[in-house]
Amino acid sequence: MTVPDGSRPGLRPVWQRAALLIAGFVALLYVIEAVDAAAPAELDTAGIEPRSADGLWGVLFAPVLHADWAHLSANTIPLLVLGFLVLVSGIGRGLAATAIIWVVGGLGTWLTAGAGFVHIGASILVFGWLTYLITRGIFTRQANQIVIGGIVLFVYGSILWGVLPSDPRVSWQGHLFGAVGGVLAAWLLSADERRRRRSPAVPSSPFG
């Protein structure tokens, strides 16, 4: 006998695991910022330094680093809400989407951002999760995902203006390529659904 994922003894429902995972990630960001505030060495220097060989390592670290507490607090609610919505539809799929956004957003920033600045902040993930949630329903054509995408667009869509150049202290390149990574993740991870739509139905035999 099989049982749905999340119904096996000892396994929490997916919404609980999603909530714990995103809450744990955000708590980690606060721990890192506390260490950064207390440590003599500036952790912020480990961010993305465009077109610098050493700065390429910042692709790995930039989304967990913030300039100060205000920077982190501004990202906190969007991280909790959007991260939960990404993970609750499937932990594995949500983590895969996050990995794509993390790499595409970081590499795009490293390739295109202005030299002389270090780029940090979880807004790469915020913008990526936002566009992922908005576009995945378009690719999968699943009604529930389209509805969620519409609600997310209504509530958070205005922040997409952040992909445009504005304040020189704001890494709009991270926003832009995080958003690009979200659309790419939605497209890549909807491949099975798109393939099923293209496959013609096979007629059943009249003889069973």
C-alpha atoms as a PDB file:
ATOM      1  CA  MET A   1       0.000   0.000   0.000  1.00  0.00           C
ATOM      2  CA  THR A   2       1.226   3.519  -0.779  1.00  0.00           C
ATOM      3  CA  VAL A   3       0.393   6.688   1.074  1.00  0.00           C
ATOM      4  CA  PRO A   4       0.748  10.333  -0.017  1.00  0.00           C
ATOM      5  CA  ASP A   5       4.006  12.116   0.760  1.00  0.00           C
ATOM      6  CA  GLY A   6       3.643  13.774   4.131  1.00  0.00           C
ATOM      7  CA  SER A   7       1.267  11.094   5.414  1.00  0.00           C
ATOM      8  CA  ARG A   8       3.917   8.537   6.294  1.00  0.00           C
ATOM      9  CA  PRO A   9       4.418   8.029  10.022  1.00  0.00           C
ATOM     10  CA  GLY A  10       6.962  10.469  11.418  1.00  0.00           C
ATOM     11  CA  LEU A  11       6.992  12.700   8.320  1.00  0.00           C
ATOM     12  CA  ARG A  12       5.614  16.203   8.745  1.00  0.00           C
ATOM     13  CA  PRO A  13       3.152  17.608   6.177  1.00  0.00           C
ATOM     14  CA  VAL A  14       4.890  19.477   3.388  1.00  0.00           C
ATOM     15  CA  TRP A  15       3.584  22.864   4.563  1.00  0.00           C
ATOM     16  CA  GLN A  16       5.194  22.329   7.958  1.00  0.00           C
ATOM     17  CA  ARG A  17       8.502  21.304   6.417  1.00  0.00           C
ATOM     18  CA  ALA A  18       8.367  24.318   4.080  1.00  0.00           C
ATOM     19  CA  ALA A  19       7.659  26.672   7.000  1.00  0.00           C
ATOM     20  CA  LEU A  20      10.463  25.208   9.118  1.00  0.00           C
ATOM     21  CA  LEU A  21      12.936  25.326   6.234  1.00  0.00           C
ATOM     22  CA  ILE A  22      12.331  28.940   5.288  1.00  0.00           C
ATOM     23  CA  ALA A  23      12.181  30.037   8.931  1.00  0.00           C
ATOM     24  CA  GLY A  24      15.497  28.264   9.550  1.00  0.00           C
ATOM     25  CA  PHE A  25      17.073  29.934   6.526  1.00  0.00           C
ATOM     26  CA  VAL A  26      15.969  33.397   7.635  1.00  0.00           C
ATOM     27  CA  ALA A  27      17.163  32.676  11.190  1.00  0.00           C
ATOM     28  CA  LEU A  28      20.558  31.751   9.698  1.00  0.00           C
ATOM     29  CA  LEU A  29      20.685  35.129   7.957  1.00  0.00           C
ATOM     30  CA  TYR A  30      20.183  36.848  11.315  1.00  0.00           C
ATOM     31  CA  VAL A  31      22.932  34.756  12.893  1.00  0.00           C
ATOM     32  CA  ILE A  32      25.298  35.669  10.056  1.00  0.00           C
ATOM     33  CA  GLU A  33      24.456  39.366  10.403  1.00  0.00           C
ATOM     34  CA  ALA A  34      25.026  39.175  14.175  1.00  0.00           C
ATOM     35  CA  VAL A  35      28.442  37.576  13.589  1.00  0.00           C
ATOM     36  CA  ASP A  36      29.226  40.233  10.984  1.00  0.00           C
ATOM     37  CA  ALA A  37      28.300  43.006  13.434  1.00  0.00           C
ATOM     38  CA  ALA A  38      30.445  41.515  16.191  1.00  0.00           C
ATOM     39  CA  ALA A  39      33.421  40.218  14.207  1.00  0.00           C
ATOM     40  CA  PRO A  40      36.459  42.394  13.546  1.00  0.00           C
ATOM     41  CA  ALA A  41      36.582  41.174   9.932  1.00  0.00           C
ATOM     42  CA  GLU A  42      33.913  42.471   7.530  1.00  0.00           C
ATOM     43  CA  LEU A  43      31.991  39.487   6.169  1.00  0.00           C
ATOM     44  CA  ASP A  44      30.397  41.784   3.595  1.00  0.00           C
ATOM     45  CA  THR A  45      33.643  41.764   1.624  1.00  0.00           C
ATOM     46  CA  ALA A  46      32.889  38.144   0.686  1.00  0.00           C
ATOM     47  CA  GLY A  47      30.148  39.309  -1.699  1.00  0.00           C
ATOM     48  CA  ILE A  48      30.237  39.500  -5.492  1.00  0.00           C
ATOM     49  CA  GLU A  49      33.045  41.609  -6.964  1.00  0.00           C
ATOM     50  CA  PRO A  50      32.212  41.938 -10.673  1.00  0.00           C
ATOM     51  CA  ARG A  51      34.676  40.370 -13.094  1.00  0.00           C
ATOM     52  CA  SER A  52      37.169  39.658 -10.327  1.00  0.00           C
ATOM     53  CA  ALA A  53      38.439  36.086 -10.065  1.00  0.00           C
ATOM     54  CA  ASP A  54      38.342  36.220  -6.267  1.00  0.00           C
ATOM     55  CA  GLY A  55      34.984  37.989  -6.362  1.00  0.00           C
ATOM     56  CA  LEU A  56      33.458  35.073  -8.250  1.00  0.00           C
ATOM     57  CA  TRP A  57      33.321  33.185  -4.942  1.00  0.00           C
ATOM     58  CA  GLY A  58      30.827  35.829  -3.875  1.00  0.00           C
ATOM     59  CA  VAL A  59      28.212  34.122  -6.040  1.00  0.00           C
ATOM     60  CA  LEU A  60      28.050  31.478  -3.305  1.00  0.00           C
ATOM     61  CA  PHE A  61      27.918  33.889  -0.373  1.00  0.00           C
ATOM     62  CA  ALA A  62      26.218  37.095  -1.530  1.00  0.00           C
ATOM     63  CA  PRO A  63      22.570  36.083  -0.831  1.00  0.00           C
ATOM     64  CA  VAL A  64      23.312  35.375   2.843  1.00  0.00           C
ATOM     65  CA  LEU A  65      25.189  38.651   3.480  1.00  0.00           C
ATOM     66  CA  HIS A  66      23.657  42.062   4.214  1.00  0.00           C
ATOM     67  CA  ALA A  67      25.036  45.557   4.641  1.00  0.00           C
ATOM     68  CA  ASP A  68      23.297  46.135   7.978  1.00  0.00           C
ATOM     69  CA  TRP A  69      20.239  45.210  10.045  1.00  0.00           C
ATOM     70  CA  ALA A  70      17.995  47.553   8.053  1.00  0.00           C
ATOM     71  CA  HIS A  71      19.016  45.831   4.826  1.00  0.00           C
ATOM     72  CA  LEU A  72      18.222  42.424   6.291  1.00  0.00           C
ATOM     73  CA  SER A  73      14.943  43.481   7.879  1.00  0.00           C
ATOM     74  CA  ALA A  74      13.733  44.923   4.551  1.00  0.00           C
ATOM     75  CA  ASN A  75      14.207  41.480   2.965  1.00  0.00           C
ATOM     76  CA  THR A  76      12.803  39.417   5.840  1.00  0.00           C
ATOM     77  CA  ILE A  77       9.036  39.418   5.173  1.00  0.00           C
ATOM     78  CA  PRO A  78       9.345  38.860   1.395  1.00  0.00           C
ATOM     79  CA  LEU A  79      11.805  36.031   2.073  1.00  0.00           C
ATOM     80  CA  LEU A  80       9.435  34.328   4.510  1.00  0.00           C
ATOM     81  CA  VAL A  81       6.317  34.711   2.350  1.00  0.00           C
ATOM     82  CA  LEU A  82       7.764  33.999  -1.092  1.00  0.00           C
ATOM     83  CA  GLY A  83      10.155  31.320   0.131  1.00  0.00           C
ATOM     84  CA  PHE A  84       7.320  29.459   1.836  1.00  0.00           C
ATOM     85  CA  LEU A  85       5.152  29.604  -1.298  1.00  0.00           C
ATOM     86  CA  VAL A  86       8.016  28.282  -3.438  1.00  0.00           C
ATOM     87  CA  LEU A  87       8.733  25.385  -1.068  1.00  0.00           C
ATOM     88  CA  VAL A  88       5.177  24.398  -0.188  1.00  0.00           C
ATOM     89  CA  SER A  89       4.460  23.134  -3.708  1.00  0.00           C
ATOM     90  CA  GLY A  90       7.290  20.605  -3.278  1.00  0.00           C
ATOM     91  CA  ILE A  91      10.472  20.802  -1.233  1.00  0.00           C
ATOM     92  CA  GLY A  92      12.741  19.277  -3.864  1.00  0.00           C
ATOM     93  CA  ARG A  93      11.341  21.422  -6.665  1.00  0.00           C
ATOM     94  CA  GLY A  94      11.540  24.536  -4.514  1.00  0.00           C
ATOM     95  CA  LEU A  95      15.174  23.880  -3.620  1.00  0.00           C
ATOM     96  CA  ALA A  96      15.998  23.260  -7.290  1.00  0.00           C
ATOM     97  CA  ALA A  97      14.348  26.572  -8.238  1.00  0.00           C
ATOM     98  CA  THR A  98      16.308  28.335  -5.502  1.00  0.00           C
ATOM     99  CA  ALA A  99      19.600  26.862  -6.724  1.00  0.00           C
ATOM    100  CA  ILE A 100      18.925  28.046 -10.285  1.00  0.00           C
ATOM    101  CA  ILE A 101      18.018  31.543  -9.079  1.00  0.00           C
ATOM    102  CA  TRP A 102      21.067  31.673  -6.784  1.00  0.00           C
ATOM    103  CA  VAL A 103      23.509  30.795  -9.579  1.00  0.00           C
ATOM    104  CA  VAL A 104      21.905  32.786 -12.409  1.00  0.00           C
ATOM    105  CA  GLY A 105      21.426  35.857 -10.228  1.00  0.00           C
ATOM    106  CA  GLY A 106      24.964  35.710  -8.917  1.00  0.00           C
ATOM    107  CA  LEU A 107      26.686  35.059 -12.240  1.00  0.00           C
ATOM    108  CA  GLY A 108      24.616  37.711 -13.999  1.00  0.00           C
ATOM    109  CA  THR A 109      25.639  40.239 -11.362  1.00  0.00           C
ATOM    110  CA  TRP A 110      29.283  39.201 -11.576  1.00  0.00           C
ATOM    111  CA  LEU A 111      29.275  39.616 -15.360  1.00  0.00           C
ATOM    112  CA  THR A 112      27.387  42.898 -15.701  1.00  0.00           C
ATOM    113  CA  ALA A 113      27.563  44.988 -12.517  1.00  0.00           C
ATOM    114  CA  GLY A 114      29.851  47.964 -12.208  1.00  0.00           C
ATOM    115  CA  ALA A 115      33.336  47.385 -10.888  1.00  0.00           C
ATOM    116  CA  GLY A 116      34.458  48.850  -7.593  1.00  0.00           C
ATOM    117  CA  PHE A 117      31.471  47.664  -5.573  1.00  0.00           C
ATOM    118  CA  VAL A 118      30.727  44.483  -3.633  1.00  0.00           C
ATOM    119  CA  HIS A 119      27.208  43.178  -4.248  1.00  0.00           C
ATOM    120  CA  ILE A 120      25.377  41.408  -1.419  1.00  0.00           C
ATOM    121  CA  GLY A 121      21.846  40.677  -0.238  1.00  0.00           C
ATOM    122  CA  ALA A 122      19.064  38.105  -0.365  1.00  0.00           C
ATOM    123  CA  SER A 123      17.090  40.294  -2.759  1.00  0.00           C
ATOM    124  CA  ILE A 124      18.497  38.083  -5.519  1.00  0.00           C
ATOM    125  CA  LEU A 125      16.314  35.331  -4.064  1.00  0.00           C
ATOM    126  CA  VAL A 126      13.349  37.636  -3.420  1.00  0.00           C
ATOM    127  CA  PHE A 127      13.191  38.743  -7.052  1.00  0.00           C
ATOM    128  CA  GLY A 128      13.836  35.224  -8.315  1.00  0.00           C
ATOM    129  CA  TRP A 129      11.157  33.627  -6.138  1.00  0.00           C
ATOM    130  CA  LEU A 130       8.747  36.381  -7.165  1.00  0.00           C
ATOM    131  CA  THR A 131       9.113  35.823 -10.914  1.00  0.00           C
ATOM    132  CA  TYR A 132       9.162  32.051 -10.410  1.00  0.00           C
ATOM    133  CA  LEU A 133       5.801  32.148  -8.648  1.00  0.00           C
ATOM    134  CA  ILE A 134       4.327  34.559 -11.208  1.00  0.00           C
ATOM    135  CA  THR A 135       5.411  32.603 -14.293  1.00  0.00           C
ATOM    136  CA  ARG A 136       5.300  28.924 -13.320  1.00  0.00           C
ATOM    137  CA  GLY A 137       1.528  28.765 -13.792  1.00  0.00           C
ATOM    138  CA  ILE A 138       1.935  30.166 -17.300  1.00  0.00           C
ATOM    139  CA  PHE A 139       4.281  27.303 -18.174  1.00  0.00           C
ATOM    140  CA  THR A 140       2.433  24.508 -16.349  1.00  0.00           C
ATOM    141  CA  ARG A 141      -1.092  25.830 -17.077  1.00  0.00           C
ATOM    142  CA  GLN A 142      -2.187  24.608 -13.667  1.00  0.00           C
ATOM    143  CA  ALA A 143      -5.071  26.674 -12.328  1.00  0.00           C
ATOM    144  CA  ASN A 144      -3.916  26.753  -8.703  1.00  0.00           C
ATOM    145  CA  GLN A 145      -0.449  27.982  -9.678  1.00  0.00           C
ATOM    146  CA  ILE A 146      -1.932  30.643 -11.958  1.00  0.00           C
ATOM    147  CA  VAL A 147      -4.104  31.886  -9.081  1.00  0.00           C
ATOM    148  CA  ILE A 148      -1.136  31.972  -6.676  1.00  0.00           C
ATOM    149  CA  GLY A 149       0.929  33.782  -9.289  1.00  0.00           C
ATOM    150  CA  GLY A 150      -1.801  36.378  -9.763  1.00  0.00           C
ATOM    151  CA  ILE A 151      -2.065  37.003  -6.017  1.00  0.00           C
ATOM    152  CA  VAL A 152       1.707  37.283  -5.657  1.00  0.00           C
ATOM    153  CA  LEU A 153       1.839  39.710  -8.603  1.00  0.00           C
ATOM    154  CA  PHE A 154      -0.893  41.836  -7.017  1.00  0.00           C
ATOM    155  CA  VAL A 155       0.784  41.955  -3.595  1.00  0.00           C
ATOM    156  CA  TYR A 156       4.475  42.162  -4.541  1.00  0.00           C
ATOM    157  CA  GLY A 157       4.500  43.065  -8.238  1.00  0.00           C
ATOM    158  CA  SER A 158       5.411  46.702  -7.601  1.00  0.00           C
ATOM    159  CA  ILE A 159       8.880  45.717  -6.382  1.00  0.00           C
ATOM    160  CA  LEU A 160       9.714  44.545  -9.908  1.00  0.00           C
ATOM    161  CA  TRP A 161      10.556  48.171 -10.666  1.00  0.00           C
ATOM    162  CA  GLY A 162      13.717  47.348  -8.727  1.00  0.00           C
ATOM    163  CA  VAL A 163      15.161  45.600 -11.792  1.00  0.00           C
ATOM    164  CA  LEU A 164      15.720  49.049 -13.339  1.00  0.00           C
ATOM    165  CA  PRO A 165      18.750  51.243 -12.604  1.00  0.00           C
ATOM    166  CA  SER A 166      18.001  53.676  -9.795  1.00  0.00           C
ATOM    167  CA  ASP A 167      19.956  54.286  -6.596  1.00  0.00           C
ATOM    168  CA  PRO A 168      23.672  53.523  -7.248  1.00  0.00           C
ATOM    169  CA  ARG A 169      23.813  51.916  -3.790  1.00  0.00           C
ATOM    170  CA  VAL A 170      21.200  49.342  -4.861  1.00  0.00           C
ATOM    171  CA  SER A 171      22.339  46.282  -6.813  1.00  0.00           C
ATOM    172  CA  TRP A 172      19.693  46.421  -9.519  1.00  0.00           C
ATOM    173  CA  GLN A 173      21.731  43.874 -11.504  1.00  0.00           C
ATOM    174  CA  GLY A 174      21.169  41.357  -8.697  1.00  0.00           C
ATOM    175  CA  HIS A 175      17.446  42.111  -8.841  1.00  0.00           C
ATOM    176  CA  LEU A 176      17.361  41.805 -12.639  1.00  0.00           C
ATOM    177  CA  PHE A 177      19.275  38.549 -12.914  1.00  0.00           C
ATOM    178  CA  GLY A 178      17.551  37.083  -9.873  1.00  0.00           C
ATOM    179  CA  ALA A 179      14.274  37.741 -11.722  1.00  0.00           C
ATOM    180  CA  VAL A 180      15.704  36.191 -14.909  1.00  0.00           C
ATOM    181  CA  GLY A 181      16.746  33.154 -12.862  1.00  0.00           C
ATOM    182  CA  GLY A 182      13.194  32.827 -11.516  1.00  0.00           C
ATOM    183  CA  VAL A 183      11.671  32.742 -14.995  1.00  0.00           C
ATOM    184  CA  LEU A 184      14.338  30.271 -16.153  1.00  0.00           C
ATOM    185  CA  ALA A 185      13.678  28.043 -13.139  1.00  0.00           C
ATOM    186  CA  ALA A 186       9.932  28.097 -13.811  1.00  0.00           C
ATOM    187  CA  TRP A 187      10.521  27.106 -17.429  1.00  0.00           C
ATOM    188  CA  LEU A 188      13.056  24.364 -16.700  1.00  0.00           C
ATOM    189  CA  LEU A 189      11.060  22.818 -13.861  1.00  0.00           C
ATOM    190  CA  SER A 190       7.849  22.768 -15.884  1.00  0.00           C
ATOM    191  CA  ALA A 191       9.418  20.625 -18.613  1.00  0.00           C
ATOM    192  CA  ASP A 192       7.450  17.487 -17.660  1.00  0.00           C
ATOM    193  CA  GLU A 193       4.110  19.305 -17.776  1.00  0.00           C
ATOM    194  CA  ARG A 194       4.937  20.945 -21.110  1.00  0.00           C
ATOM    195  CA  ARG A 195       6.056  17.597 -22.529  1.00  0.00           C
ATOM    196  CA  ARG A 196       2.821  15.918 -21.453  1.00  0.00           C
ATOM    197  CA  ARG A 197       0.770  18.630 -23.164  1.00  0.00           C
ATOM    198  CA  ARG A 198       2.656  18.114 -26.427  1.00  0.00           C
ATOM    199  CA  SER A 199       2.275  14.314 -26.362  1.00  0.00           C
ATOM    200  CA  PRO A 200      -0.818  13.190 -28.317  1.00  0.00           C
ATOM    201  CA  ALA A 201      -3.255  11.033 -26.414  1.00  0.00           C
ATOM    202  CA  VAL A 202      -2.893   7.355 -27.293  1.00  0.00           C
ATOM    203  CA  PRO A 203      -6.317   5.845 -28.152  1.00  0.00           C
ATOM    204  CA  SER A 204      -7.230   2.826 -26.089  1.00  0.00           C
ATOM    205  CA  SER A 205      -7.871  -0.526 -27.710  1.00  0.00           C
ATOM    206  CA  PRO A 206     -11.590  -1.441 -28.083  1.00  0.00           C
ATOM    207  CA  PHE A 207     -10.632  -4.925 -26.874  1.00  0.00           C
ATOM    208  CA  GLY A 208      -9.073  -3.662 -23.613  1.00  0.00           C
END
